[in-house]
Amino acid sequence: MRSLIAAILAVAAGLLIASTLGVAAAEAPTITAPIRTVSVQGVANVAVAQGASAAVATAAYRQAMADAVLDGQSKAEFLAGKVGATVGSVQSVVEGGGSISCTNSAEESGYAEYEGEQPDFGSGSGSVSPVESAKSVAPPRATVAPKPKKKKKKTKRPTPTAKKATVTSCALYTQVALVDDLN
């Protein structure tokens, strides 16, 4: 019986010492190496039709986001190589929004208004500004009573000449922020 009590006391003392050391080890400061990352902005432009439907504009936006991710990954690999590291896994991806701009060869300014439907650009920092949003909505027109028309004399018109062809092209721009681990 004495040996049983002595064995129980020895086990209890051993557990007490082990738990004290365990608490001390847990409270000891731990030093961890900082996680090395690279943060980049991927950007892309894709063509979109002047009067695109919402489905077409959304497909173009998604293609642009995919292209922007590829651009960001390429930039991350380039930067990692410059510091003697390799790119690890992607830690975060942030949609940066986008915009659509059009150019017209016949306009004096060279710019044209996008007449199609807008895709969901999200709420990223690069989203369409209120000024650009206002451009896509036509301002209300005032209604004025028409003036009475005067009768004109018929005049002989010159032979018509060919008009300059107008070319309107639109591009959808987007950006994506990536954060990658470095190995």
N, C-alpha and C. Protein backbone atom coordinates (compact mmCIF):
# COMPACT_ATOMS: atom_id res chain seq x y z
N MET A 1 0.81 -1.18 0.00
CA MET A 1 0.00 0.00 0.00
C MET A 1 0.87 1.26 0.00
N ARG A 2 1.98 1.21 0.77
CA ARG A 2 2.87 2.37 0.81
C ARG A 2 3.50 2.60 -0.57
N SER A 3 3.85 1.54 -1.23
CA SER A 3 4.47 1.69 -2.54
C SER A 3 3.47 2.24 -3.56
N LEU A 4 2.19 1.89 -3.41
CA LEU A 4 1.15 2.42 -4.30
C LEU A 4 0.98 3.92 -4.07
N ILE A 5 0.96 4.33 -2.82
CA ILE A 5 0.83 5.76 -2.50
C ILE A 5 2.06 6.51 -3.00
N ALA A 6 3.24 5.93 -2.82
CA ALA A 6 4.47 6.57 -3.28
C ALA A 6 4.46 6.71 -4.80
N ALA A 7 3.98 5.68 -5.51
CA ALA A 7 3.91 5.73 -6.96
C ALA A 7 2.94 6.80 -7.43
N ILE A 8 1.78 6.91 -6.76
CA ILE A 8 0.78 7.93 -7.11
C ILE A 8 1.34 9.31 -6.88
N LEU A 9 2.04 9.52 -5.76
CA LEU A 9 2.65 10.83 -5.46
C LEU A 9 3.75 11.15 -6.49
N ALA A 10 4.51 10.17 -6.90
CA ALA A 10 5.57 10.40 -7.89
C ALA A 10 4.97 10.79 -9.24
N VAL A 11 3.89 10.12 -9.65
CA VAL A 11 3.23 10.45 -10.92
C VAL A 11 2.63 11.84 -10.84
N ALA A 12 1.98 12.17 -9.72
CA ALA A 12 1.38 13.49 -9.55
C ALA A 12 2.45 14.57 -9.61
N ALA A 13 3.59 14.34 -8.95
CA ALA A 13 4.68 15.32 -8.96
C ALA A 13 5.22 15.48 -10.38
N GLY A 14 5.34 14.37 -11.12
CA GLY A 14 5.81 14.43 -12.50
C GLY A 14 4.86 15.22 -13.39
N LEU A 15 3.56 14.99 -13.21
CA LEU A 15 2.56 15.75 -13.99
C LEU A 15 2.59 17.23 -13.64
N LEU A 16 2.77 17.55 -12.39
CA LEU A 16 2.84 18.96 -11.95
C LEU A 16 4.04 19.65 -12.59
N ILE A 17 5.18 18.98 -12.58
CA ILE A 17 6.40 19.57 -13.17
C ILE A 17 6.22 19.71 -14.69
N ALA A 18 5.65 18.70 -15.34
CA ALA A 18 5.45 18.75 -16.79
C ALA A 18 4.50 19.86 -17.18
N SER A 19 3.43 20.04 -16.40
CA SER A 19 2.48 21.10 -16.74
C SER A 19 3.09 22.46 -16.52
N THR A 20 3.92 22.61 -15.51
CA THR A 20 4.59 23.90 -15.27
C THR A 20 5.53 24.22 -16.43
N LEU A 21 6.27 23.22 -16.88
CA LEU A 21 7.17 23.45 -18.01
C LEU A 21 6.38 23.75 -19.29
N GLY A 22 5.24 23.08 -19.44
CA GLY A 22 4.41 23.32 -20.62
C GLY A 22 3.87 24.74 -20.64
N VAL A 23 3.45 25.25 -19.48
CA VAL A 23 2.95 26.63 -19.40
C VAL A 23 4.09 27.60 -19.66
N ALA A 24 5.25 27.32 -19.12
CA ALA A 24 6.39 28.20 -19.33
C ALA A 24 6.77 28.24 -20.81
N ALA A 25 6.72 27.09 -21.46
CA ALA A 25 7.06 27.05 -22.89
C ALA A 25 6.03 27.80 -23.72
N ALA A 26 4.76 27.70 -23.33
CA ALA A 26 3.71 28.39 -24.06
C ALA A 26 3.80 29.90 -23.87
N GLU A 27 4.27 30.33 -22.71
CA GLU A 27 4.37 31.76 -22.44
C GLU A 27 5.65 32.37 -22.98
N ALA A 28 6.60 31.53 -23.37
CA ALA A 28 7.87 32.03 -23.88
C ALA A 28 7.63 32.76 -25.21
N PRO A 29 8.33 33.85 -25.42
CA PRO A 29 8.14 34.56 -26.70
C PRO A 29 8.62 33.70 -27.86
N THR A 30 7.81 33.72 -28.91
CA THR A 30 8.18 32.97 -30.10
C THR A 30 8.58 33.96 -31.19
N ILE A 31 9.59 33.61 -31.89
CA ILE A 31 10.08 34.47 -32.97
C ILE A 31 9.75 33.78 -34.28
N THR A 32 8.93 34.46 -35.09
CA THR A 32 8.61 33.91 -36.41
C THR A 32 9.12 34.87 -37.46
N ALA A 33 9.60 34.29 -38.52
CA ALA A 33 10.08 35.11 -39.63
C ALA A 33 8.90 35.81 -40.28
N PRO A 34 9.07 37.06 -40.69
CA PRO A 34 7.96 37.75 -41.35
C PRO A 34 7.61 37.07 -42.67
N ILE A 35 6.34 37.06 -43.00
CA ILE A 35 5.89 36.46 -44.25
C ILE A 35 6.22 37.43 -45.37
N ARG A 36 6.94 36.95 -46.35
CA ARG A 36 7.31 37.79 -47.48
C ARG A 36 6.23 37.69 -48.54
N THR A 37 5.76 38.84 -48.99
CA THR A 37 4.72 38.87 -50.02
C THR A 37 5.11 39.88 -51.09
N VAL A 38 4.42 39.78 -52.21
CA VAL A 38 4.54 40.77 -53.27
C VAL A 38 3.12 41.19 -53.63
N SER A 39 2.88 42.49 -53.75
CA SER A 39 1.56 43.04 -54.11
C SER A 39 1.68 43.73 -55.45
N VAL A 40 0.77 43.40 -56.36
CA VAL A 40 0.82 43.97 -57.71
C VAL A 40 -0.58 44.35 -58.17
N GLN A 41 -0.64 45.21 -59.18
CA GLN A 41 -1.88 45.57 -59.87
C GLN A 41 -1.81 45.02 -61.28
N GLY A 42 -2.70 44.12 -61.61
CA GLY A 42 -2.80 43.63 -62.97
C GLY A 42 -3.83 44.48 -63.71
N VAL A 43 -3.54 44.85 -64.93
CA VAL A 43 -4.46 45.66 -65.72
C VAL A 43 -4.70 45.02 -67.08
N ALA A 44 -5.84 45.32 -67.67
CA ALA A 44 -6.15 44.79 -68.99
C ALA A 44 -7.18 45.66 -69.69
N ASN A 45 -7.14 45.62 -71.02
CA ASN A 45 -8.11 46.28 -71.89
C ASN A 45 -8.64 45.25 -72.87
N VAL A 46 -9.94 45.24 -73.09
CA VAL A 46 -10.52 44.39 -74.13
C VAL A 46 -11.50 45.23 -74.93
N ALA A 47 -11.67 44.88 -76.18
CA ALA A 47 -12.61 45.60 -77.04
C ALA A 47 -14.03 45.21 -76.67
N VAL A 48 -14.93 46.18 -76.76
CA VAL A 48 -16.35 45.94 -76.52
C VAL A 48 -17.12 46.77 -77.56
N ALA A 49 -18.22 46.22 -78.04
CA ALA A 49 -19.00 46.91 -79.06
C ALA A 49 -19.63 48.18 -78.49
N GLN A 50 -19.79 49.18 -79.34
CA GLN A 50 -20.35 50.48 -78.95
C GLN A 50 -21.71 50.36 -78.28
N GLY A 51 -22.57 49.47 -78.76
CA GLY A 51 -23.91 49.33 -78.21
C GLY A 51 -24.11 47.96 -77.58
N ALA A 52 -23.12 47.47 -76.84
CA ALA A 52 -23.16 46.11 -76.30
C ALA A 52 -24.30 45.91 -75.32
N SER A 53 -24.85 44.70 -75.34
CA SER A 53 -25.88 44.33 -74.35
C SER A 53 -25.19 44.06 -73.02
N ALA A 54 -25.97 43.92 -71.96
CA ALA A 54 -25.41 43.65 -70.64
C ALA A 54 -24.63 42.34 -70.64
N ALA A 55 -25.15 41.32 -71.32
CA ALA A 55 -24.48 40.02 -71.35
C ALA A 55 -23.13 40.12 -72.07
N VAL A 56 -23.08 40.84 -73.17
CA VAL A 56 -21.83 40.99 -73.93
C VAL A 56 -20.84 41.84 -73.12
N ALA A 57 -21.31 42.91 -72.51
CA ALA A 57 -20.43 43.77 -71.71
C ALA A 57 -19.88 43.01 -70.50
N THR A 58 -20.72 42.20 -69.87
CA THR A 58 -20.28 41.41 -68.72
C THR A 58 -19.25 40.37 -69.14
N ALA A 59 -19.46 39.72 -70.28
CA ALA A 59 -18.49 38.75 -70.79
C ALA A 59 -17.15 39.44 -71.08
N ALA A 60 -17.20 40.63 -71.66
CA ALA A 60 -15.97 41.38 -71.94
C ALA A 60 -15.28 41.76 -70.63
N TYR A 61 -16.06 42.16 -69.63
CA TYR A 61 -15.48 42.54 -68.33
C TYR A 61 -14.81 41.34 -67.66
N ARG A 62 -15.45 40.18 -67.72
CA ARG A 62 -14.86 38.99 -67.11
C ARG A 62 -13.59 38.57 -67.85
N GLN A 63 -13.58 38.71 -69.17
CA GLN A 63 -12.36 38.41 -69.93
C GLN A 63 -11.26 39.38 -69.52
N ALA A 64 -11.61 40.64 -69.36
CA ALA A 64 -10.62 41.65 -68.95
C ALA A 64 -10.08 41.34 -67.56
N MET A 65 -10.95 40.91 -66.63
CA MET A 65 -10.47 40.55 -65.28
C MET A 65 -9.51 39.37 -65.36
N ALA A 66 -9.83 38.35 -66.18
CA ALA A 66 -8.94 37.19 -66.34
C ALA A 66 -7.59 37.64 -66.91
N ASP A 67 -7.62 38.52 -67.90
CA ASP A 67 -6.38 39.04 -68.49
C ASP A 67 -5.60 39.86 -67.46
N ALA A 68 -6.31 40.60 -66.61
CA ALA A 68 -5.65 41.40 -65.57
C ALA A 68 -4.98 40.51 -64.53
N VAL A 69 -5.59 39.38 -64.20
CA VAL A 69 -4.96 38.43 -63.26
C VAL A 69 -3.67 37.89 -63.88
N LEU A 70 -3.71 37.53 -65.16
CA LEU A 70 -2.50 37.05 -65.83
C LEU A 70 -1.40 38.12 -65.84
N ASP A 71 -1.80 39.37 -66.07
CA ASP A 71 -0.84 40.47 -66.06
C ASP A 71 -0.24 40.62 -64.66
N GLY A 72 -1.08 40.54 -63.64
CA GLY A 72 -0.60 40.65 -62.26
C GLY A 72 0.35 39.51 -61.90
N GLN A 73 0.03 38.29 -62.32
CA GLN A 73 0.91 37.15 -62.04
C GLN A 73 2.25 37.32 -62.73
N SER A 74 2.23 37.84 -63.94
CA SER A 74 3.48 38.08 -64.67
C SER A 74 4.33 39.13 -63.94
N LYS A 75 3.69 40.18 -63.47
CA LYS A 75 4.42 41.22 -62.73
C LYS A 75 4.99 40.67 -61.43
N ALA A 76 4.19 39.84 -60.72
CA ALA A 76 4.67 39.25 -59.46
C ALA A 76 5.89 38.36 -59.70
N GLU A 77 5.86 37.55 -60.76
CA GLU A 77 7.00 36.69 -61.08
C GLU A 77 8.24 37.52 -61.42
N PHE A 78 8.03 38.60 -62.16
CA PHE A 78 9.14 39.49 -62.51
C PHE A 78 9.78 40.08 -61.24
N LEU A 79 8.95 40.62 -60.36
CA LEU A 79 9.47 41.25 -59.14
C LEU A 79 10.13 40.22 -58.22
N ALA A 80 9.52 39.04 -58.10
CA ALA A 80 10.10 37.99 -57.26
C ALA A 80 11.48 37.59 -57.78
N GLY A 81 11.61 37.47 -59.08
CA GLY A 81 12.90 37.14 -59.68
C GLY A 81 13.96 38.19 -59.38
N LYS A 82 13.56 39.45 -59.33
CA LYS A 82 14.51 40.53 -59.06
C LYS A 82 15.05 40.50 -57.63
N VAL A 83 14.31 39.88 -56.69
CA VAL A 83 14.77 39.80 -55.30
C VAL A 83 15.22 38.39 -54.94
N GLY A 84 15.39 37.54 -55.96
CA GLY A 84 15.89 36.19 -55.72
C GLY A 84 14.89 35.26 -55.06
N ALA A 85 13.61 35.44 -55.33
CA ALA A 85 12.57 34.60 -54.74
C ALA A 85 11.72 34.01 -55.85
N THR A 86 10.82 33.14 -55.45
CA THR A 86 9.82 32.62 -56.39
C THR A 86 8.44 32.91 -55.83
N VAL A 87 7.47 32.99 -56.71
CA VAL A 87 6.11 33.30 -56.31
C VAL A 87 5.45 32.04 -55.75
N GLY A 88 4.83 32.18 -54.60
CA GLY A 88 4.09 31.08 -53.99
C GLY A 88 2.62 31.20 -54.32
N SER A 89 1.79 30.87 -53.37
CA SER A 89 0.34 30.90 -53.60
C SER A 89 -0.21 32.32 -53.48
N VAL A 90 -1.33 32.55 -54.15
CA VAL A 90 -2.00 33.84 -54.09
C VAL A 90 -2.73 33.93 -52.74
N GLN A 91 -2.50 35.01 -52.02
CA GLN A 91 -3.13 35.20 -50.72
C GLN A 91 -4.41 36.01 -50.80
N SER A 92 -4.49 36.94 -51.74
CA SER A 92 -5.72 37.72 -51.90
C SER A 92 -5.82 38.27 -53.32
N VAL A 93 -7.06 38.44 -53.75
CA VAL A 93 -7.36 39.02 -55.05
C VAL A 93 -8.46 40.05 -54.81
N VAL A 94 -8.29 41.26 -55.33
CA VAL A 94 -9.28 42.32 -55.14
C VAL A 94 -9.67 42.88 -56.50
N GLU A 95 -10.97 42.86 -56.77
CA GLU A 95 -11.50 43.44 -58.00
C GLU A 95 -11.32 44.95 -57.92
N GLY A 96 -10.78 45.53 -58.96
CA GLY A 96 -10.48 46.95 -58.94
C GLY A 96 -11.47 47.80 -59.71
N GLY A 97 -12.53 47.22 -60.24
CA GLY A 97 -13.49 48.00 -61.00
C GLY A 97 -13.04 48.18 -62.44
N GLY A 98 -13.70 49.06 -63.14
CA GLY A 98 -13.34 49.29 -64.53
C GLY A 98 -14.11 50.43 -65.14
N SER A 99 -13.89 50.63 -66.42
CA SER A 99 -14.58 51.68 -67.16
C SER A 99 -14.55 51.34 -68.64
N ILE A 100 -15.41 52.00 -69.39
CA ILE A 100 -15.44 51.82 -70.84
C ILE A 100 -15.26 53.19 -71.47
N SER A 101 -14.33 53.28 -72.40
CA SER A 101 -14.16 54.54 -73.13
C SER A 101 -14.18 54.26 -74.62
N CYS A 102 -14.70 55.22 -75.37
CA CYS A 102 -14.85 55.06 -76.82
C CYS A 102 -14.19 56.23 -77.54
N THR A 103 -13.71 55.96 -78.73
CA THR A 103 -13.16 57.01 -79.58
C THR A 103 -13.91 56.98 -80.90
N ASN A 104 -14.03 58.16 -81.51
CA ASN A 104 -14.75 58.29 -82.76
C ASN A 104 -13.91 59.16 -83.69
N SER A 105 -13.62 58.65 -84.87
CA SER A 105 -12.77 59.38 -85.80
C SER A 105 -13.44 60.64 -86.35
N ALA A 106 -14.77 60.70 -86.30
CA ALA A 106 -15.47 61.86 -86.85
C ALA A 106 -15.63 62.99 -85.84
N GLU A 107 -15.55 62.68 -84.58
CA GLU A 107 -15.71 63.71 -83.54
C GLU A 107 -14.47 64.58 -83.47
N GLU A 108 -14.68 65.85 -83.21
CA GLU A 108 -13.56 66.77 -83.11
C GLU A 108 -12.65 66.41 -81.94
N SER A 109 -13.25 66.05 -80.81
CA SER A 109 -12.46 65.71 -79.64
C SER A 109 -11.85 64.31 -79.74
N GLY A 110 -12.41 63.47 -80.61
CA GLY A 110 -11.92 62.11 -80.74
C GLY A 110 -12.62 61.14 -79.80
N TYR A 111 -13.38 61.66 -78.85
CA TYR A 111 -14.06 60.81 -77.88
C TYR A 111 -15.52 60.65 -78.26
N ALA A 112 -16.07 59.51 -77.93
CA ALA A 112 -17.48 59.25 -78.18
C ALA A 112 -18.09 58.67 -76.91
N GLU A 113 -19.38 58.82 -76.78
CA GLU A 113 -20.09 58.30 -75.62
C GLU A 113 -20.40 56.83 -75.83
N TYR A 114 -20.18 56.01 -74.81
CA TYR A 114 -20.53 54.59 -74.87
C TYR A 114 -22.04 54.48 -74.78
N GLU A 115 -22.64 53.77 -75.71
CA GLU A 115 -24.10 53.70 -75.78
C GLU A 115 -24.67 52.36 -75.32
N GLY A 116 -23.83 51.42 -74.95
CA GLY A 116 -24.29 50.10 -74.53
C GLY A 116 -24.62 50.05 -73.05
N GLU A 117 -24.95 48.85 -72.58
CA GLU A 117 -25.24 48.64 -71.17
C GLU A 117 -23.94 48.40 -70.42
N GLN A 118 -23.92 48.84 -69.17
CA GLN A 118 -22.73 48.70 -68.33
C GLN A 118 -22.71 47.33 -67.65
N PRO A 119 -21.55 46.70 -67.56
CA PRO A 119 -21.45 45.49 -66.75
C PRO A 119 -21.36 45.89 -65.28
N ASP A 120 -21.43 44.93 -64.37
CA ASP A 120 -21.28 45.21 -62.94
C ASP A 120 -19.80 45.34 -62.65
N PHE A 121 -19.32 46.58 -62.56
CA PHE A 121 -17.91 46.82 -62.32
C PHE A 121 -17.51 46.62 -60.87
N GLY A 122 -18.42 46.24 -60.01
CA GLY A 122 -18.08 46.06 -58.61
C GLY A 122 -17.89 47.40 -57.94
N SER A 123 -17.30 47.36 -56.77
CA SER A 123 -17.11 48.60 -56.02
C SER A 123 -15.65 48.83 -55.71
N GLY A 124 -14.77 48.39 -56.59
CA GLY A 124 -13.35 48.55 -56.36
C GLY A 124 -12.93 50.00 -56.43
N SER A 125 -11.69 50.24 -56.01
CA SER A 125 -11.18 51.62 -56.00
C SER A 125 -11.08 52.20 -57.40
N GLY A 126 -11.02 51.34 -58.41
CA GLY A 126 -10.90 51.83 -59.78
C GLY A 126 -12.24 51.83 -60.50
N SER A 127 -13.33 51.84 -59.74
CA SER A 127 -14.63 51.77 -60.38
C SER A 127 -14.93 53.07 -61.13
N VAL A 128 -15.96 53.04 -61.91
CA VAL A 128 -16.33 54.17 -62.73
C VAL A 128 -16.64 55.36 -61.83
N SER A 129 -16.07 56.49 -62.15
CA SER A 129 -16.29 57.69 -61.34
C SER A 129 -17.67 58.26 -61.62
N PRO A 130 -18.19 59.06 -60.69
CA PRO A 130 -19.50 59.67 -60.93
C PRO A 130 -19.55 60.48 -62.21
N VAL A 131 -18.42 61.09 -62.59
CA VAL A 131 -18.39 61.88 -63.82
C VAL A 131 -18.58 60.96 -65.02
N GLU A 132 -17.87 59.80 -65.04
CA GLU A 132 -18.01 58.87 -66.15
C GLU A 132 -19.40 58.25 -66.17
N SER A 133 -19.98 57.99 -64.99
CA SER A 133 -21.32 57.44 -64.94
C SER A 133 -22.32 58.43 -65.51
N ALA A 134 -22.11 59.70 -65.23
CA ALA A 134 -23.03 60.72 -65.75
C ALA A 134 -22.94 60.80 -67.27
N LYS A 135 -21.76 60.51 -67.83
CA LYS A 135 -21.61 60.55 -69.28
C LYS A 135 -22.45 59.48 -69.97
N SER A 136 -22.63 58.34 -69.29
CA SER A 136 -23.34 57.24 -69.92
C SER A 136 -24.85 57.42 -69.89
N VAL A 137 -25.34 58.40 -69.14
CA VAL A 137 -26.77 58.67 -69.08
C VAL A 137 -27.03 59.98 -69.81
N ALA A 138 -27.89 59.94 -70.79
CA ALA A 138 -28.17 61.14 -71.56
C ALA A 138 -28.91 62.16 -70.69
N PRO A 139 -28.53 63.44 -70.77
CA PRO A 139 -29.22 64.44 -69.97
C PRO A 139 -30.65 64.63 -70.49
N PRO A 140 -31.56 65.01 -69.59
CA PRO A 140 -32.93 65.21 -70.05
C PRO A 140 -32.98 66.38 -71.03
N ARG A 141 -33.82 66.23 -72.03
CA ARG A 141 -33.93 67.29 -73.04
C ARG A 141 -35.14 68.16 -72.75
N ALA A 142 -34.94 69.45 -72.90
CA ALA A 142 -36.05 70.37 -72.69
C ALA A 142 -36.97 70.31 -73.90
N THR A 143 -38.25 70.42 -73.66
CA THR A 143 -39.19 70.43 -74.78
C THR A 143 -39.55 71.87 -75.09
N VAL A 144 -39.36 72.22 -76.33
CA VAL A 144 -39.64 73.58 -76.79
C VAL A 144 -40.60 73.46 -77.96
N ALA A 145 -41.57 74.37 -78.00
CA ALA A 145 -42.53 74.35 -79.11
C ALA A 145 -41.78 74.61 -80.41
N PRO A 146 -42.05 73.82 -81.44
CA PRO A 146 -41.34 74.02 -82.70
C PRO A 146 -41.72 75.35 -83.35
N LYS A 147 -40.73 75.92 -84.01
CA LYS A 147 -40.98 77.18 -84.72
C LYS A 147 -41.69 76.86 -86.02
N PRO A 148 -42.53 77.79 -86.49
CA PRO A 148 -43.19 77.53 -87.78
C PRO A 148 -42.15 77.51 -88.89
N LYS A 149 -42.33 76.56 -89.80
CA LYS A 149 -41.38 76.41 -90.90
C LYS A 149 -41.69 77.39 -92.01
N LYS A 150 -40.62 77.96 -92.55
CA LYS A 150 -40.78 78.84 -93.70
C LYS A 150 -40.63 78.01 -94.95
N LYS A 151 -41.38 78.35 -95.96
CA LYS A 151 -41.27 77.65 -97.22
C LYS A 151 -40.03 78.14 -97.93
N LYS A 152 -39.26 77.18 -98.41
CA LYS A 152 -38.03 77.52 -99.10
C LYS A 152 -38.20 77.27 -100.59
N LYS A 153 -37.46 78.06 -101.34
CA LYS A 153 -37.44 77.83 -102.77
C LYS A 153 -36.58 76.62 -103.04
N LYS A 154 -36.97 75.85 -104.01
CA LYS A 154 -36.15 74.71 -104.38
C LYS A 154 -34.95 75.21 -105.15
N THR A 155 -33.80 74.75 -104.71
CA THR A 155 -32.57 75.11 -105.40
C THR A 155 -31.91 73.85 -105.90
N LYS A 156 -31.15 74.04 -106.93
CA LYS A 156 -30.45 72.90 -107.48
C LYS A 156 -29.29 72.55 -106.54
N ARG A 157 -29.22 71.28 -106.13
CA ARG A 157 -28.18 70.85 -105.19
C ARG A 157 -26.98 70.31 -105.96
N PRO A 158 -25.83 70.55 -105.40
CA PRO A 158 -24.63 70.00 -106.05
C PRO A 158 -24.60 68.48 -105.90
N THR A 159 -23.81 67.86 -106.72
CA THR A 159 -23.68 66.41 -106.66
C THR A 159 -23.11 66.03 -105.30
N PRO A 160 -23.75 65.06 -104.61
CA PRO A 160 -23.25 64.71 -103.27
C PRO A 160 -21.86 64.07 -103.34
N THR A 161 -21.08 64.40 -102.33
CA THR A 161 -19.75 63.80 -102.23
C THR A 161 -19.78 62.77 -101.10
N ALA A 162 -18.86 61.88 -101.13
CA ALA A 162 -18.82 60.82 -100.11
C ALA A 162 -18.47 61.44 -98.76
N LYS A 163 -19.18 60.99 -97.74
CA LYS A 163 -18.88 61.47 -96.39
C LYS A 163 -17.73 60.64 -95.84
N LYS A 164 -17.02 61.26 -94.93
CA LYS A 164 -15.94 60.58 -94.27
C LYS A 164 -16.53 59.46 -93.40
N ALA A 165 -15.95 58.28 -93.47
CA ALA A 165 -16.44 57.16 -92.66
C ALA A 165 -16.11 57.43 -91.19
N THR A 166 -17.09 57.16 -90.34
CA THR A 166 -16.84 57.33 -88.91
C THR A 166 -16.61 55.96 -88.30
N VAL A 167 -15.55 55.87 -87.55
CA VAL A 167 -15.22 54.62 -86.88
C VAL A 167 -15.24 54.88 -85.39
N THR A 168 -16.10 54.15 -84.70
CA THR A 168 -16.16 54.25 -83.24
C THR A 168 -15.65 52.94 -82.68
N SER A 169 -14.67 53.03 -81.81
CA SER A 169 -14.15 51.83 -81.15
C SER A 169 -14.17 52.07 -79.65
N CYS A 170 -14.54 51.02 -78.91
CA CYS A 170 -14.64 51.12 -77.46
C CYS A 170 -13.74 50.09 -76.81
N ALA A 171 -13.18 50.45 -75.67
CA ALA A 171 -12.33 49.54 -74.91
C ALA A 171 -12.79 49.53 -73.47
N LEU A 172 -12.85 48.34 -72.90
CA LEU A 172 -13.19 48.16 -71.49
C LEU A 172 -11.88 47.99 -70.74
N TYR A 173 -11.67 48.78 -69.70
CA TYR A 173 -10.45 48.76 -68.91
C TYR A 173 -10.79 48.24 -67.52
N THR A 174 -9.93 47.39 -66.96
CA THR A 174 -10.13 46.92 -65.59
C THR A 174 -8.78 46.68 -64.92
N GLN A 175 -8.82 46.58 -63.59
CA GLN A 175 -7.61 46.27 -62.84
C GLN A 175 -7.96 45.33 -61.70
N VAL A 176 -6.97 44.52 -61.30
CA VAL A 176 -7.12 43.55 -60.24
C VAL A 176 -5.88 43.62 -59.38
N ALA A 177 -6.05 43.67 -58.05
CA ALA A 177 -4.91 43.68 -57.12
C ALA A 177 -4.67 42.26 -56.64
N LEU A 178 -3.41 41.82 -56.66
CA LEU A 178 -3.02 40.49 -56.20
C LEU A 178 -1.96 40.60 -55.12
N VAL A 179 -2.04 39.73 -54.13
CA VAL A 179 -0.98 39.60 -53.12
C VAL A 179 -0.56 38.13 -53.13
N ASP A 180 0.73 37.87 -53.41
CA ASP A 180 1.26 36.52 -53.48
C ASP A 180 2.32 36.32 -52.39
N ASP A 181 2.42 35.11 -51.88
CA ASP A 181 3.53 34.74 -51.01
C ASP A 181 4.79 34.63 -51.83
N LEU A 182 5.93 34.91 -51.21
CA LEU A 182 7.22 34.70 -51.85
C LEU A 182 7.93 33.55 -51.14
N ASN A 183 8.53 32.69 -51.92
CA ASN A 183 9.31 31.58 -51.35
C ASN A 183 10.79 31.89 -51.46
